[in-house]
């Protein structure tokens, strides 16, 4: 039989949080899935990574997961992921050290309409307005998990352009390629990779006909260059619902689907999302 002092010590033992990480790689543009195991009595954990909140979702009473995106432009180094749980009297703190390694991205040279490299003056106000609108949109994801089940490919074709490629348009360096391109024929139906709410469905200057789905908890899908949009802003979509058709609108060299994913504001490779959250 345990002595009374031993029983008291066991009762006073602090609650623990254990952390397991899954990722294709811990490099710029990758998704990291953290699994947190802790006493159910602590309630929902609070997580911060890269100086922004990351919203966990519950798997069972003692298990939570949180998606942490390593942005495309993140420098190599060690970044703390702060995890807190419990009320003030029972608060538990844990820090996970996320070591981000270097990654070398390829360079591609493309020839496009000059108006999409050096836009005319009368387009500048529109471009600035759309950029500000997107930046604001990424900040207001639904604070609950809308996706369910595994993520699926939006089109059957393979990706033919690597995420993160440094782009040179008409001989001029421009921003890195922040999505994956699929060389799908014009008119190919584009399916929602998972459930969510459509938060934008319209034509934008650079991305042409564009659809953005909020999957909740800071996770977004953006589909660009569509020939047709088959949904409207505000509607809910389920996995596999057709949201539009492949096209060649905006800054393109030909028909294809551009799929971009944001996780907590970070630009991550959609193929990494399929690898970790897919079937």
Protein backbone atom coordinates (compact mmCIF):
# COMPACT_ATOMS: atom_id res chain seq x y z
CA UNK A 1 0.00 0.00 0.00
CA UNK A 2 1.30 3.46 -0.88
CA UNK A 3 2.19 5.76 1.99
CA UNK A 4 0.06 8.86 2.42
CA UNK A 5 3.00 11.08 1.44
CA UNK A 6 3.48 9.18 -1.83
CA UNK A 7 -0.22 9.51 -2.65
CA UNK A 8 -0.03 13.24 -1.98
CA UNK A 9 3.01 13.63 -4.24
CA UNK A 10 1.25 11.76 -7.03
CA UNK A 11 -1.84 13.93 -6.68
CA UNK A 12 0.29 17.06 -6.81
CA UNK A 13 2.23 15.98 -9.91
CA UNK A 14 1.89 18.64 -12.62
CA UNK A 15 -0.13 17.92 -15.73
CA UNK A 16 1.95 17.12 -18.80
CA UNK A 17 1.59 17.96 -22.49
CA UNK A 18 3.30 15.66 -24.95
CA UNK A 19 3.89 16.73 -28.53
CA UNK A 20 4.33 14.69 -31.71
CA UNK A 21 5.09 16.36 -35.07
CA UNK A 22 4.32 15.13 -38.59
CA UNK A 23 5.67 16.78 -41.76
CA UNK A 24 7.05 15.89 -45.18
CA UNK A 25 9.98 18.12 -44.24
CA UNK A 26 10.52 21.03 -41.91
CA UNK A 27 11.43 23.56 -44.56
CA UNK A 28 9.94 26.74 -46.05
CA UNK A 29 6.56 26.10 -47.67
CA UNK A 30 5.78 22.98 -45.65
CA UNK A 31 2.92 22.07 -43.34
CA UNK A 32 3.63 20.69 -39.86
CA UNK A 33 0.88 18.87 -37.96
CA UNK A 34 1.38 18.86 -34.19
CA UNK A 35 -0.51 16.31 -32.09
CA UNK A 36 -0.92 17.34 -28.44
CA UNK A 37 -1.75 14.77 -25.76
CA UNK A 38 -2.77 16.13 -22.37
CA UNK A 39 -5.28 15.67 -19.54
CA UNK A 40 -8.84 16.45 -20.60
CA UNK A 41 -9.24 18.59 -17.50
CA UNK A 42 -6.96 21.25 -19.01
CA UNK A 43 -9.48 22.08 -21.72
CA UNK A 44 -8.54 23.56 -25.10
CA UNK A 45 -4.87 24.45 -25.59
CA UNK A 46 -3.69 27.84 -26.81
CA UNK A 47 -0.94 27.76 -29.44
CA UNK A 48 1.28 30.44 -30.99
CA UNK A 49 3.77 29.87 -33.79
CA UNK A 50 5.68 32.43 -35.84
CA UNK A 51 4.14 35.22 -33.73
CA UNK A 52 0.58 34.32 -34.66
CA UNK A 53 -2.16 32.20 -33.14
CA UNK A 54 -2.61 28.65 -34.43
CA UNK A 55 -6.06 27.20 -33.72
CA UNK A 56 -6.18 23.59 -32.43
CA UNK A 57 -8.97 21.11 -33.09
CA UNK A 58 -9.98 18.20 -30.85
CA UNK A 59 -9.54 14.55 -31.81
CA UNK A 60 -10.71 12.99 -28.52
CA UNK A 61 -10.94 14.20 -24.89
CA UNK A 62 -7.17 13.95 -24.41
CA UNK A 63 -5.88 14.67 -27.94
CA UNK A 64 -5.71 17.87 -29.98
CA UNK A 65 -4.10 18.72 -33.31
CA UNK A 66 -2.90 22.02 -34.69
CA UNK A 67 -1.70 22.97 -38.17
CA UNK A 68 1.46 25.08 -38.35
CA UNK A 69 2.46 26.48 -41.72
CA UNK A 70 6.08 27.38 -42.48
CA UNK A 71 5.81 30.28 -44.91
CA UNK A 72 7.60 30.20 -48.24
CA UNK A 73 9.96 33.00 -47.18
CA UNK A 74 10.83 31.70 -43.69
CA UNK A 75 14.56 31.83 -43.01
CA UNK A 76 16.29 28.71 -41.65
CA UNK A 77 16.46 28.63 -37.87
CA UNK A 78 14.77 27.43 -34.70
CA UNK A 79 11.31 28.83 -33.98
CA UNK A 80 9.42 28.32 -30.70
CA UNK A 81 5.85 27.03 -30.79
CA UNK A 82 4.27 28.06 -27.47
CA UNK A 83 1.53 25.82 -26.05
CA UNK A 84 -0.49 26.82 -23.00
CA UNK A 85 -3.45 25.09 -21.38
CA UNK A 86 -5.48 25.22 -18.20
CA UNK A 87 -6.72 28.04 -15.96
CA UNK A 88 -4.37 30.24 -13.98
CA UNK A 89 -4.25 27.85 -11.01
CA UNK A 90 -3.54 24.81 -13.18
CA UNK A 91 -1.79 26.45 -16.13
CA UNK A 92 0.65 24.30 -18.07
CA UNK A 93 3.18 25.70 -20.55
CA UNK A 94 5.17 23.79 -23.13
CA UNK A 95 7.48 24.96 -25.90
CA UNK A 96 8.12 22.94 -29.04
CA UNK A 97 11.27 23.92 -30.95
CA UNK A 98 10.51 23.87 -34.66
CA UNK A 99 13.81 23.63 -36.52
CA UNK A 100 13.37 24.94 -40.08
CA UNK A 101 16.01 23.80 -42.52
CA UNK A 102 17.13 25.53 -45.72
CA UNK A 103 15.51 24.88 -49.08
CA UNK A 104 16.71 25.86 -52.53
CA UNK A 105 13.94 26.70 -54.99
CA UNK A 106 14.24 26.48 -58.75
CA UNK A 107 13.85 29.42 -61.16
CA UNK A 108 11.53 29.55 -64.15
CA UNK A 109 11.39 32.00 -67.06
CA UNK A 110 8.00 32.78 -68.58
CA UNK A 111 6.68 35.08 -71.28
CA UNK A 112 3.28 36.64 -70.60
CA UNK A 113 1.24 39.67 -71.63
CA UNK A 114 3.33 42.72 -70.70
CA UNK A 115 0.31 44.25 -68.93
CA UNK A 116 0.68 41.53 -66.28
CA UNK A 117 4.36 42.35 -65.71
CA UNK A 118 4.19 46.14 -65.80
CA UNK A 119 0.48 46.95 -65.42
CA UNK A 120 -0.82 50.18 -66.95
CA UNK A 121 -1.29 53.14 -64.61
CA UNK A 122 -5.07 52.90 -64.74
CA UNK A 123 -4.87 49.38 -63.22
CA UNK A 124 -2.70 50.27 -60.22
CA UNK A 125 -5.56 51.31 -57.95
CA UNK A 126 -7.44 48.09 -58.71
CA UNK A 127 -4.37 45.94 -58.04
CA UNK A 128 -3.72 47.67 -54.71
CA UNK A 129 -7.36 47.32 -53.69
CA UNK A 130 -7.44 43.61 -54.51
CA UNK A 131 -4.16 42.99 -52.70
CA UNK A 132 -5.43 44.72 -49.56
CA UNK A 133 -8.68 42.79 -49.75
CA UNK A 134 -6.91 39.45 -49.89
CA UNK A 135 -4.59 40.40 -47.04
CA UNK A 136 -7.64 41.24 -44.94
CA UNK A 137 -9.44 38.04 -45.93
CA UNK A 138 -6.58 35.82 -44.69
CA UNK A 139 -6.98 37.35 -41.22
CA UNK A 140 -10.63 36.37 -40.66
CA UNK A 141 -11.00 32.62 -41.06
CA UNK A 142 -13.91 30.84 -39.42
CA UNK A 143 -12.72 29.97 -35.87
CA UNK A 144 -14.05 26.41 -36.13
CA UNK A 145 -13.04 23.41 -38.23
CA UNK A 146 -15.16 23.23 -41.39
CA UNK A 147 -13.24 20.52 -43.23
CA UNK A 148 -13.95 16.87 -42.52
CA UNK A 149 -12.28 13.71 -43.67
CA UNK A 150 -9.27 13.63 -45.99
CA UNK A 151 -8.36 16.30 -48.53
CA UNK A 152 -8.64 15.24 -52.18
CA UNK A 153 -7.09 16.45 -55.43
CA UNK A 154 -9.17 19.18 -57.13
CA UNK A 155 -8.33 17.81 -60.59
CA UNK A 156 -7.09 14.39 -61.72
CA UNK A 157 -3.97 15.65 -63.50
CA UNK A 158 -0.54 15.76 -61.85
CA UNK A 159 1.10 18.99 -60.74
CA UNK A 160 3.60 20.21 -63.36
CA UNK A 161 5.04 23.34 -61.71
CA UNK A 162 6.84 23.22 -58.40
CA UNK A 163 5.69 25.28 -55.44
CA UNK A 164 8.11 28.05 -54.47
CA UNK A 165 9.72 28.39 -57.89
CA UNK A 166 11.23 31.85 -58.33
CA UNK A 167 9.51 33.42 -61.36
CA UNK A 168 11.02 35.65 -64.04
CA UNK A 169 8.31 37.16 -66.25
CA UNK A 170 9.48 38.73 -69.52
CA UNK A 171 12.99 38.91 -68.11
CA UNK A 172 11.97 40.61 -64.84
CA UNK A 173 12.11 38.85 -61.43
CA UNK A 174 8.77 38.70 -59.66
CA UNK A 175 7.33 37.03 -56.55
CA UNK A 176 7.80 33.32 -55.91
CA UNK A 177 5.24 30.84 -57.18
CA UNK A 178 3.04 30.35 -54.12
CA UNK A 179 0.91 27.45 -55.33
CA UNK A 180 0.98 24.26 -57.36
CA UNK A 181 0.02 24.26 -61.05
CA UNK A 182 -1.86 21.38 -62.65
CA UNK A 183 -1.70 21.10 -66.46
CA UNK A 184 -5.39 20.36 -66.82
CA UNK A 185 -7.24 20.96 -70.11
CA UNK A 186 -9.50 23.98 -70.35
CA UNK A 187 -12.98 23.16 -69.08
CA UNK A 188 -11.85 20.48 -66.60
CA UNK A 189 -14.15 20.59 -63.54
CA UNK A 190 -12.43 21.81 -60.37
CA UNK A 191 -13.60 20.07 -57.20
CA UNK A 192 -13.46 21.43 -53.67
CA UNK A 193 -10.61 19.53 -51.94
CA UNK A 194 -12.63 19.56 -48.73
CA UNK A 195 -15.63 21.18 -47.08
CA UNK A 196 -15.74 24.87 -46.30
CA UNK A 197 -17.34 28.18 -47.18
CA UNK A 198 -16.72 30.17 -50.35
CA UNK A 199 -15.43 33.59 -49.30
CA UNK A 200 -14.54 34.93 -52.75
CA UNK A 201 -15.79 34.05 -56.22
CA UNK A 202 -14.93 36.69 -58.81
CA UNK A 203 -12.41 37.92 -61.36
CA UNK A 204 -9.16 39.45 -60.05
CA UNK A 205 -6.45 41.20 -62.06
CA UNK A 206 -3.55 38.77 -61.68
CA UNK A 207 -5.32 35.50 -60.86
CA UNK A 208 -8.24 35.92 -63.27
CA UNK A 209 -11.44 34.14 -62.30
CA UNK A 210 -10.76 33.13 -58.71
CA UNK A 211 -12.47 31.05 -56.02
CA UNK A 212 -11.35 30.99 -52.38
CA UNK A 213 -12.66 28.44 -49.88
CA UNK A 214 -12.31 28.97 -46.12
CA UNK A 215 -11.90 25.50 -44.57
CA UNK A 216 -11.83 26.99 -41.06
CA UNK A 217 -9.11 27.47 -38.43
CA UNK A 218 -7.00 29.59 -40.79
CA UNK A 219 -6.88 27.02 -43.62
CA UNK A 220 -7.77 28.33 -47.11
CA UNK A 221 -7.75 27.05 -50.69
CA UNK A 222 -7.47 29.48 -53.62
CA UNK A 223 -8.12 28.42 -57.21
CA UNK A 224 -6.99 30.77 -59.98
CA UNK A 225 -7.27 31.30 -63.76
CA UNK A 226 -10.68 29.63 -64.07
CA UNK A 227 -12.66 29.80 -67.33
CA UNK A 228 -15.90 29.65 -65.34
CA UNK A 229 -16.97 30.09 -61.72
CA UNK A 230 -19.73 27.73 -60.59
CA UNK A 231 -20.24 28.95 -57.00
CA UNK A 232 -20.99 32.26 -55.34
CA UNK A 233 -19.58 33.96 -52.27
CA UNK A 234 -21.17 32.79 -49.03
CA UNK A 235 -22.21 29.28 -50.05
CA UNK A 236 -21.07 26.15 -48.21
CA UNK A 237 -19.35 23.44 -50.24
CA UNK A 238 -18.70 19.79 -49.51
CA UNK A 239 -15.70 17.72 -50.55
CA UNK A 240 -15.92 17.08 -54.29
CA UNK A 241 -18.38 19.86 -55.13
CA UNK A 242 -17.53 21.53 -58.45
CA UNK A 243 -16.53 25.16 -57.87
CA UNK A 244 -15.48 26.08 -61.41
CA UNK A 245 -13.64 25.02 -64.55
CA UNK A 246 -10.00 25.19 -65.58
CA UNK A 247 -9.12 28.13 -67.82
CA UNK A 248 -6.47 30.67 -68.80
CA UNK A 249 -7.63 33.96 -67.30
CA UNK A 250 -5.27 36.46 -65.64
CA UNK A 251 -1.46 36.14 -65.80
CA UNK A 252 -0.94 32.80 -67.53
CA UNK A 253 0.88 31.17 -70.42
CA UNK A 254 -1.92 28.70 -71.12
CA UNK A 255 -4.80 26.74 -69.52
CA UNK A 256 -4.02 25.22 -66.14
CA UNK A 257 -5.23 25.17 -62.53
CA UNK A 258 -3.30 27.13 -59.93
CA UNK A 259 -4.08 25.88 -56.41
CA UNK A 260 -2.77 27.89 -53.48
CA UNK A 261 -3.12 26.99 -49.79
CA UNK A 262 -2.76 29.30 -46.79
CA UNK A 263 -2.38 28.01 -43.23
CA UNK A 264 -2.54 30.71 -40.58
CA UNK A 265 -1.34 33.22 -43.16
CA UNK A 266 1.58 31.07 -44.28
CA UNK A 267 1.89 30.02 -47.93
CA UNK A 268 2.35 26.23 -48.03
CA UNK A 269 2.60 23.62 -50.76
CA UNK A 270 -0.82 22.11 -51.52
CA UNK A 271 0.88 18.78 -52.25
CA UNK A 272 2.15 18.78 -48.68
CA UNK A 273 -1.42 19.26 -47.48
CA UNK A 274 -2.52 16.26 -49.53
CA UNK A 275 0.39 14.21 -48.15
CA UNK A 276 -0.48 14.96 -44.51
CA UNK A 277 -4.25 15.48 -44.58
CA UNK A 278 -5.18 13.42 -47.62
CA UNK A 279 -6.17 9.79 -48.00
